[in-house]
PDB file of N, CA and C in Angstrom:
ATOM      1  N   MET A   1       0.388  -1.374   0.726  1.00  0.00           N
ATOM      2  CA  MET A   1       0.199  -0.315   0.250  1.00  0.00           C
ATOM      3  C   MET A   1       1.022   1.547   0.346  1.00  0.00           C
ATOM      4  N   GLY A   2       0.966   1.962  -0.726  1.00  0.00           N
ATOM      5  CA  GLY A   2       1.332   3.447  -0.810  1.00  0.00           C
ATOM      6  C   GLY A   2       1.273   4.456  -0.539  1.00  0.00           C
ATOM      7  N   LYS A   3       1.494   6.057  -0.021  1.00  0.00           N
ATOM      8  CA  LYS A   3       1.257   7.055   0.432  1.00  0.00           C
ATOM      9  C   LYS A   3      -0.096   7.018   0.041  1.00  0.00           C
ATOM     10  N   LEU A   4      -1.169   7.805   1.207  1.00  0.00           N
ATOM     11  CA  LEU A   4      -2.272   8.584   1.197  1.00  0.00           C
ATOM     12  C   LEU A   4      -2.177  10.198   0.888  1.00  0.00           C
ATOM     13  N   SER A   5      -3.284  10.762   0.211  1.00  0.00           N
ATOM     14  CA  SER A   5      -2.906  11.714   0.574  1.00  0.00           C
ATOM     15  C   SER A   5      -3.895  12.038   1.572  1.00  0.00           C
ATOM     16  N   VAL A   6      -3.540  13.467   2.420  1.00  0.00           N
ATOM     17  CA  VAL A   6      -3.760  13.221   3.871  1.00  0.00           C
ATOM     18  C   VAL A   6      -5.011  13.998   3.820  1.00  0.00           C
ATOM     19  N   GLY A   7      -5.184  15.087   2.473  1.00  0.00           N
ATOM     20  CA  GLY A   7      -6.620  15.815   2.737  1.00  0.00           C
ATOM     21  C   GLY A   7      -7.878  15.104   1.559  1.00  0.00           C
ATOM     22  N   LYS A   8      -7.603  14.299   1.020  1.00  0.00           N
ATOM     23  CA  LYS A   8      -8.662  13.453   0.802  1.00  0.00           C
ATOM     24  C   LYS A   8      -8.806  12.216   1.587  1.00  0.00           C
ATOM     25  N   TYR A   9      -7.628  11.844   2.457  1.00  0.00           N
ATOM     26  CA  TYR A   9      -8.288  10.637   3.253  1.00  0.00           C
ATOM     27  C   TYR A   9      -9.618  11.316   4.724  1.00  0.00           C
ATOM     28  N   ALA A  10      -8.535  12.398   4.990  1.00  0.00           N
ATOM     29  CA  ALA A  10      -9.345  13.709   5.756  1.00  0.00           C
ATOM     30  C   ALA A  10     -10.746  14.299   5.651  1.00  0.00           C
ATOM     31  N   GLY A  11     -11.049  14.380   4.457  1.00  0.00           N
ATOM     32  CA  GLY A  11     -12.230  14.920   3.677  1.00  0.00           C
ATOM     33  C   GLY A  11     -13.298  13.234   3.337  1.00  0.00           C
ATOM     34  N   LEU A  12     -12.954  12.350   3.638  1.00  0.00           N
ATOM     35  CA  LEU A  12     -13.566  11.105   3.382  1.00  0.00           C
ATOM     36  C   LEU A  12     -14.168  10.214   5.161  1.00  0.00           C
ATOM     37  N   CYS A  13     -12.981  10.942   5.390  1.00  0.00           N
ATOM     38  CA  CYS A  13     -13.016  11.012   7.075  1.00  0.00           C
ATOM     39  C   CYS A  13     -14.423  11.511   7.433  1.00  0.00           C
ATOM     40  N   MET A  14     -14.440  13.066   7.539  1.00  0.00           N
ATOM     41  CA  MET A  14     -15.579  14.133   7.137  1.00  0.00           C
ATOM     42  C   MET A  14     -16.983  13.821   7.250  1.00  0.00           C
ATOM     43  N   LEU A  15     -16.204  13.698   5.562  1.00  0.00           N
ATOM     44  CA  LEU A  15     -18.257  13.296   5.281  1.00  0.00           C
ATOM     45  C   LEU A  15     -19.200  12.234   5.891  1.00  0.00           C
ATOM     46  N   GLY A  16     -18.227  10.897   6.548  1.00  0.00           N
ATOM     47  CA  GLY A  16     -18.093   9.265   7.175  1.00  0.00           C
ATOM     48  C   GLY A  16     -18.784  10.345   8.598  1.00  0.00           C
ATOM     49  N   GLY A  17     -18.026  11.030   8.833  1.00  0.00           N
ATOM     50  CA  GLY A  17     -18.167  11.450  10.462  1.00  0.00           C
ATOM     51  C   GLY A  17     -19.811  12.074  10.350  1.00  0.00           C
ATOM     52  N   ILE A  18     -20.103  13.207   9.515  1.00  0.00           N
ATOM     53  CA  ILE A  18     -21.684  13.401   9.324  1.00  0.00           C
ATOM     54  C   ILE A  18     -22.514  12.678   9.297  1.00  0.00           C
ATOM     55  N   VAL A  19     -21.991  11.945   8.054  1.00  0.00           N
ATOM     56  CA  VAL A  19     -23.094  10.770   7.640  1.00  0.00           C
ATOM     57  C   VAL A  19     -23.486  10.041   8.956  1.00  0.00           C
ATOM     58  N   ALA A  20     -22.623   9.427   9.455  1.00  0.00           N
ATOM     59  CA  ALA A  20     -22.689   8.749  11.222  1.00  0.00           C
ATOM     60  C   ALA A  20     -23.332   8.973  11.895  1.00  0.00           C
ATOM     61  N   TYR A  21     -23.078  10.760  12.147  1.00  0.00           N
ATOM     62  CA  TYR A  21     -24.109  11.750  12.751  1.00  0.00           C
ATOM     63  C   TYR A  21     -25.266  12.160  12.808  1.00  0.00           C
ATOM     64  N   THR A  22     -25.518  12.206  11.305  1.00  0.00           N
ATOM     65  CA  THR A  22     -27.024  12.258  10.523  1.00  0.00           C
ATOM     66  C   THR A  22     -28.186  10.684  11.295  1.00  0.00           C
ATOM     67  N   ALA A  23     -27.051   9.363  11.238  1.00  0.00           N
ATOM     68  CA  ALA A  23     -27.291   8.569  11.052  1.00  0.00           C
ATOM     69  C   ALA A  23     -28.615   8.275  12.688  1.00  0.00           C
ATOM     70  N   CYS A  24     -27.047   8.181  13.305  1.00  0.00           N
ATOM     71  CA  CYS A  24     -27.226   8.082  15.064  1.00  0.00           C
ATOM     72  C   CYS A  24     -28.498   9.423  15.759  1.00  0.00           C
ATOM     73  N   MET A  25     -29.079  10.936  14.923  1.00  0.00           N
ATOM     74  CA  MET A  25     -29.533  11.784  14.835  1.00  0.00           C
ATOM     75  C   MET A  25     -30.831  11.038  14.563  1.00  0.00           C
ATOM     76  N   ALA A  26     -30.706  10.658  13.399  1.00  0.00           N
ATOM     77  CA  ALA A  26     -32.583   9.817  13.030  1.00  0.00           C
ATOM     78  C   ALA A  26     -32.556   8.977  13.468  1.00  0.00           C
ATOM     79  N   TYR A  27     -31.695   8.282  14.054  1.00  0.00           N
ATOM     80  CA  TYR A  27     -31.948   6.992  15.522  1.00  0.00           C
ATOM     81  C   TYR A  27     -32.306   7.184  16.682  1.00  0.00           C
ATOM     82  N   GLY A  28     -31.799   8.292  16.906  1.00  0.00           N
ATOM     83  CA  GLY A  28     -32.443   8.564  18.465  1.00  0.00           C
ATOM     84  C   GLY A  28     -34.040   9.212  18.014  1.00  0.00           C
ATOM     85  N   LEU A  29     -34.775   9.158  17.608  1.00  0.00           N
ATOM     86  CA  LEU A  29     -36.263   9.867  16.740  1.00  0.00           C
ATOM     87  C   LEU A  29     -37.338   8.555  17.077  1.00  0.00           C
ATOM     88  N   PHE A  30     -37.101   7.248  17.170  1.00  0.00           N
ATOM     89  CA  PHE A  30     -37.382   6.251  17.124  1.00  0.00           C
ATOM     90  C   PHE A  30     -37.146   5.119  18.577  1.00  0.00           C
ATOM     91  N   LEU A  31     -36.028   6.028  19.410  1.00  0.00           N
ATOM     92  CA  LEU A  31     -36.093   5.587  21.327  1.00  0.00           C
ATOM     93  C   LEU A  31     -37.325   5.558  22.033  1.00  0.00           C
ATOM     94  N   THR A  32     -37.044   5.227  22.832  1.00  0.00           N
ATOM     95  CA  THR A  32     -38.283   5.442  23.905  1.00  0.00           C
ATOM     96  C   THR A  32     -38.204   5.337  25.597  1.00  0.00           C
ATOM     97  N   GLY A  33     -37.711   5.699  26.406  1.00  0.00           N
ATOM     98  CA  GLY A  33     -37.708   5.123  27.969  1.00  0.00           C
ATOM     99  C   GLY A  33     -36.568   5.776  27.845  1.00  0.00           C
ATOM    100  N   LYS A  34     -35.478   4.565  28.268  1.00  0.00           N
ATOM    101  CA  LYS A  34     -34.302   4.738  28.787  1.00  0.00           C
ATOM    102  C   LYS A  34     -33.517   5.364  27.916  1.00  0.00           C
ATOM    103  N   ALA A  35     -33.397   4.120  27.325  1.00  0.00           N
ATOM    104  CA  ALA A  35     -32.411   4.317  26.071  1.00  0.00           C
ATOM    105  C   ALA A  35     -32.796   5.967  24.927  1.00  0.00           C
ATOM    106  N   ALA A  36     -34.079   6.016  25.078  1.00  0.00           N
ATOM    107  CA  ALA A  36     -34.003   7.930  24.716  1.00  0.00           C
ATOM    108  C   ALA A  36     -33.383   9.143  25.625  1.00  0.00           C
ATOM    109  N   GLU A  37     -33.487   8.770  27.348  1.00  0.00           N
ATOM    110  CA  GLU A  37     -33.151   9.660  28.033  1.00  0.00           C
ATOM    111  C   GLU A  37     -31.467   9.728  27.610  1.00  0.00           C
ATOM    112  N   LEU A  38     -30.949   8.052  27.516  1.00  0.00           N
ATOM    113  CA  LEU A  38     -29.395   8.398  27.552  1.00  0.00           C
ATOM    114  C   LEU A  38     -29.193   8.374  25.903  1.00  0.00           C
ATOM    115  N   HIS A  39     -30.399   8.171  25.013  1.00  0.00           N
ATOM    116  CA  HIS A  39     -29.325   9.301  23.709  1.00  0.00           C
ATOM    117  C   HIS A  39     -29.433  10.570  23.988  1.00  0.00           C
ATOM    118  N   LEU A  40     -29.979  11.078  24.297  1.00  0.00           N
ATOM    119  CA  LEU A  40     -30.495  12.757  24.722  1.00  0.00           C
ATOM    120  C   LEU A  40     -29.208  12.769  25.440  1.00  0.00           C
ATOM    121  N   ALA A  41     -28.669  13.072  26.510  1.00  0.00           N
ATOM    122  CA  ALA A  41     -27.987  12.865  27.409  1.00  0.00           C
ATOM    123  C   ALA A  41     -26.679  12.262  26.375  1.00  0.00           C
ATOM    124  N   LEU A  42     -26.206  11.908  25.749  1.00  0.00           N
ATOM    125  CA  LEU A  42     -24.876  12.036  25.163  1.00  0.00           C
ATOM    126  C   LEU A  42     -25.052  12.644  23.592  1.00  0.00           C
ATOM    127  N   PHE A  43     -25.845  13.042  23.062  1.00  0.00           N
ATOM    128  CA  PHE A  43     -26.316  14.496  22.296  1.00  0.00           C
ATOM    129  C   PHE A  43     -26.119  15.817  23.390  1.00  0.00           C
ATOM    130  N   GLN A  44     -26.501  15.764  24.116  1.00  0.00           N
ATOM    131  CA  GLN A  44     -26.229  17.097  24.845  1.00  0.00           C
ATOM    132  C   GLN A  44     -24.163  17.894  25.226  1.00  0.00           C
ATOM    133  N   LEU A  45     -23.582  16.647  24.945  1.00  0.00           N
ATOM    134  CA  LEU A  45     -22.101  16.376  25.277  1.00  0.00           C
ATOM    135  C   LEU A  45     -22.013  17.562  24.018  1.00  0.00           C
ATOM    136  N   PHE A  46     -22.716  17.805  22.746  1.00  0.00           N
ATOM    137  CA  PHE A  46     -21.325  18.289  21.704  1.00  0.00           C
ATOM    138  C   PHE A  46     -22.328  20.047  21.605  1.00  0.00           C
ATOM    139  N   PRO A  47     -21.769  21.184  21.475  1.00  0.00           N
ATOM    140  CA  PRO A  47     -21.646  22.608  21.792  1.00  0.00           C
ATOM    141  C   PRO A  47     -23.167  23.056  21.384  1.00  0.00           C
ATOM    142  N   LEU A  48     -23.802  23.854  22.063  1.00  0.00           N
ATOM    143  CA  LEU A  48     -25.111  24.048  21.128  1.00  0.00           C
ATOM    144  C   LEU A  48     -26.243  23.201  21.178  1.00  0.00           C
ATOM    145  N   TYR A  49     -26.373  22.386  21.780  1.00  0.00           N
ATOM    146  CA  TYR A  49     -27.339  20.972  21.227  1.00  0.00           C
ATOM    147  C   TYR A  49     -28.584  21.615  22.437  1.00  0.00           C
ATOM    148  N   THR A  50     -29.711  21.700  21.620  1.00  0.00           N
ATOM    149  CA  THR A  50     -30.801  21.386  22.755  1.00  0.00           C
ATOM    150  C   THR A  50     -31.535  21.380  22.515  1.00  0.00           C
ATOM    151  N   GLY A  51     -31.693  20.055  21.385  1.00  0.00           N
ATOM    152  CA  GLY A  51     -32.957  19.118  21.198  1.00  0.00           C
ATOM    153  C   GLY A  51     -32.957  18.672  20.076  1.00  0.00           C
ATOM    154  N   MET A  52     -33.624  18.325  19.308  1.00  0.00           N
ATOM    155  CA  MET A  52     -34.139  17.876  17.685  1.00  0.00           C
ATOM    156  C   MET A  52     -34.447  19.040  16.622  1.00  0.00           C
ATOM    157  N   ASN A  53     -33.342  19.836  16.336  1.00  0.00           N
ATOM    158  CA  ASN A  53     -33.870  20.711  14.883  1.00  0.00           C
ATOM    159  C   ASN A  53     -32.801  21.169  14.406  1.00  0.00           C
ATOM    160  N   PHE A  54     -32.943  22.129  13.214  1.00  0.00           N
ATOM    161  CA  PHE A  54     -31.796  21.915  12.038  1.00  0.00           C
ATOM    162  C   PHE A  54     -30.390  22.922  12.750  1.00  0.00           C
ATOM    163  N   ILE A  55     -30.897  23.689  13.794  1.00  0.00           N
ATOM    164  CA  ILE A  55     -29.975  24.678  14.771  1.00  0.00           C
ATOM    165  C   ILE A  55     -29.200  23.308  15.511  1.00  0.00           C
ATOM    166  N   SER A  56     -29.405  22.932  16.351  1.00  0.00           N
ATOM    167  CA  SER A  56     -28.286  21.475  17.128  1.00  0.00           C
ATOM    168  C   SER A  56     -28.037  20.389  16.165  1.00  0.00           C
ATOM    169  N   TRP A  57     -28.228  20.064  14.653  1.00  0.00           N
ATOM    170  CA  TRP A  57     -27.513  19.214  13.391  1.00  0.00           C
ATOM    171  C   TRP A  57     -26.756  19.795  12.751  1.00  0.00           C
ATOM    172  N   PHE A  58     -26.855  21.194  13.098  1.00  0.00           N
ATOM    173  CA  PHE A  58     -25.506  21.951  12.508  1.00  0.00           C
ATOM    174  C   PHE A  58     -24.371  21.881  13.282  1.00  0.00           C
ATOM    175  N   ALA A  59     -24.731  22.335  14.343  1.00  0.00           N
ATOM    176  CA  ALA A  59     -24.012  22.687  15.000  1.00  0.00           C
ATOM    177  C   ALA A  59     -23.057  21.855  15.965  1.00  0.00           C
ATOM    178  N   GLY A  60     -23.947  20.294  15.907  1.00  0.00           N
ATOM    179  CA  GLY A  60     -23.103  18.850  15.951  1.00  0.00           C
ATOM    180  C   GLY A  60     -22.144  18.471  14.630  1.00  0.00           C
ATOM    181  N   ALA A  61     -23.114  18.675  13.390  1.00  0.00           N
ATOM    182  CA  ALA A  61     -22.093  18.525  12.216  1.00  0.00           C
ATOM    183  C   ALA A  61     -20.785  19.191  12.687  1.00  0.00           C
ATOM    184  N   ILE A  62     -20.893  20.496  12.349  1.00  0.00           N
ATOM    185  CA  ILE A  62     -19.904  20.733  12.300  1.00  0.00           C
ATOM    186  C   ILE A  62     -18.384  20.504  13.378  1.00  0.00           C
ATOM    187  N   SER A  63     -18.711  20.578  14.722  1.00  0.00           N
ATOM    188  CA  SER A  63     -18.256  19.570  15.494  1.00  0.00           C
ATOM    189  C   SER A  63     -17.563  18.021  15.098  1.00  0.00           C
ATOM    190  N   VAL A  64     -18.519  17.504  14.815  1.00  0.00           N
ATOM    191  CA  VAL A  64     -18.105  16.089  14.141  1.00  0.00           C
ATOM    192  C   VAL A  64     -16.854  16.455  12.768  1.00  0.00           C
ATOM    193  N   ALA A  65     -17.481  16.931  11.709  1.00  0.00           N
ATOM    194  CA  ALA A  65     -16.929  17.613  10.651  1.00  0.00           C
ATOM    195  C   ALA A  65     -15.372  18.100  11.142  1.00  0.00           C
ATOM    196  N   VAL A  66     -14.734  18.784  11.947  1.00  0.00           N
ATOM    197  CA  VAL A  66     -14.080  19.266  12.601  1.00  0.00           C
ATOM    198  C   VAL A  66     -13.117  18.349  12.896  1.00  0.00           C
ATOM    199  N   TRP A  67     -13.406  17.633  14.101  1.00  0.00           N
ATOM    200  CA  TRP A  67     -12.576  16.484  14.856  1.00  0.00           C
ATOM    201  C   TRP A  67     -12.639  15.548  14.145  1.00  0.00           C
ATOM    202  N   SER A  68     -13.210  14.814  13.407  1.00  0.00           N
ATOM    203  CA  SER A  68     -13.040  14.026  12.214  1.00  0.00           C
ATOM    204  C   SER A  68     -11.942  14.210  10.797  1.00  0.00           C
ATOM    205  N   GLU A  69     -11.793  15.545  10.456  1.00  0.00           N
ATOM    206  CA  GLU A  69     -10.630  15.866   9.817  1.00  0.00           C
ATOM    207  C   GLU A  69      -9.337  16.068  10.240  1.00  0.00           C
ATOM    208  N   ILE A  70      -9.395  16.249  11.218  1.00  0.00           N
ATOM    209  CA  ILE A  70      -8.515  16.352  12.083  1.00  0.00           C
ATOM    210  C   ILE A  70      -8.071  15.128  12.659  1.00  0.00           C
ATOM    211  N   GLY A  71      -8.591  14.314  12.678  1.00  0.00           N
ATOM    212  CA  GLY A  71      -8.548  12.303  13.271  1.00  0.00           C
ATOM    213  C   GLY A  71      -7.864  11.561  11.673  1.00  0.00           C
ATOM    214  N   GLY A  72      -8.854  12.180  10.586  1.00  0.00           N
ATOM    215  CA  GLY A  72      -8.093  11.566   9.969  1.00  0.00           C
ATOM    216  C   GLY A  72      -7.356  12.205   8.425  1.00  0.00           C
ATOM    217  N   ALA A  73      -6.814  13.490   9.289  1.00  0.00           N
ATOM    218  CA  ALA A  73      -5.122  13.937   8.941  1.00  0.00           C
ATOM    219  C   ALA A  73      -4.536  13.426   9.374  1.00  0.00           C
ATOM    220  N   TYR A  74      -4.408  12.933  10.539  1.00  0.00           N
ATOM    221  CA  TYR A  74      -3.614  12.284  11.712  1.00  0.00           C
ATOM    222  C   TYR A  74      -3.201  10.850  11.564  1.00  0.00           C
ATOM    223  N   ILE A  75      -4.520   9.915  11.054  1.00  0.00           N
ATOM    224  CA  ILE A  75      -4.477   8.802  10.571  1.00  0.00           C
ATOM    225  C   ILE A  75      -3.271   8.782   9.258  1.00  0.00           C
ATOM    226  N   ALA A  76      -3.681   9.439   8.178  1.00  0.00           N
ATOM    227  CA  ALA A  76      -3.153   9.343   7.081  1.00  0.00           C
ATOM    228  C   ALA A  76      -1.598  10.089   7.192  1.00  0.00           C
ATOM    229  N   TRP A  77      -1.030  11.108   8.522  1.00  0.00           N
ATOM    230  CA  TRP A  77       0.333  11.201   8.545  1.00  0.00           C
ATOM    231  C   TRP A  77       1.426  10.351   9.186  1.00  0.00           C
ATOM    232  N   MET A  78       0.296   9.744   9.991  1.00  0.00           N
ATOM    233  CA  MET A  78       0.801   9.429  10.536  1.00  0.00           C
ATOM    234  C   MET A  78       1.159   7.397   9.434  1.00  0.00           C
ATOM    235  N   HIS A  79       0.389   7.181   9.122  1.00  0.00           N
ATOM    236  CA  HIS A  79       0.148   6.516   7.908  1.00  0.00           C
ATOM    237  C   HIS A  79       1.681   6.283   7.189  1.00  0.00           C
ATOM    238  N   ASN A  80       1.098   7.896   6.192  1.00  0.00           N
ATOM    239  CA  ASN A  80       2.726   8.122   5.017  1.00  0.00           C
ATOM    240  C   ASN A  80       4.091   8.005   6.254  1.00  0.00           C
ATOM    241  N   VAL A  81       3.717   8.650   7.208  1.00  0.00           N
ATOM    242  CA  VAL A  81       5.370   8.255   8.022  1.00  0.00           C
ATOM    243  C   VAL A  81       5.974   7.000   8.340  1.00  0.00           C
ATOM    244  N   SER A  82       5.090   5.970   8.613  1.00  0.00           N
ATOM    245  CA  SER A  82       5.643   4.847   8.810  1.00  0.00           C
ATOM    246  C   SER A  82       5.982   3.466   7.438  1.00  0.00           C
ATOM    247  N   MET A  83       5.381   4.559   6.090  1.00  0.00           N
ATOM    248  CA  MET A  83       5.475   4.531   5.309  1.00  0.00           C
ATOM    249  C   MET A  83       7.480   4.446   4.332  1.00  0.00           C
ATOM    250  N   GLN A  84       7.823   5.591   5.008  1.00  0.00           N
ATOM    251  CA  GLN A  84       9.333   5.768   4.446  1.00  0.00           C
ATOM    252  C   GLN A  84       9.664   4.906   4.715  1.00  0.00           C
ATOM    253  N   LYS A  85      11.326   4.749   3.854  1.00  0.00           N
ATOM    254  CA  LYS A  85      12.613   3.437   3.859  1.00  0.00           C
ATOM    255  C   LYS A  85      13.332   4.262   4.888  1.00  0.00           C
ATOM    256  N   ASN A  86      14.072   4.023   5.766  1.00  0.00           N
ATOM    257  CA  ASN A  86      15.405   4.611   5.827  1.00  0.00           C
ATOM    258  C   ASN A  86      16.235   4.319   5.118  1.00  0.00           C
TER     259      ASN A  86
END
């Protein structure tokens, strides 16, 4: 396996993070009882989260996008550094 494009890999991680975040938010609409309470408590860890509305989704998506981009860039960089020959 060759070197990874840091920008492309980080962008794909960001897209995957936003899709997963959106799927989790949609899944939460079908929960009831204690499961719904736990789901809400976990989402309240995101900044500006106030409930199931567009502003909360958007603020969480931005947060997930930033962290996914950073994580993806770091993973691609570490992969590329480990592939260098001495």
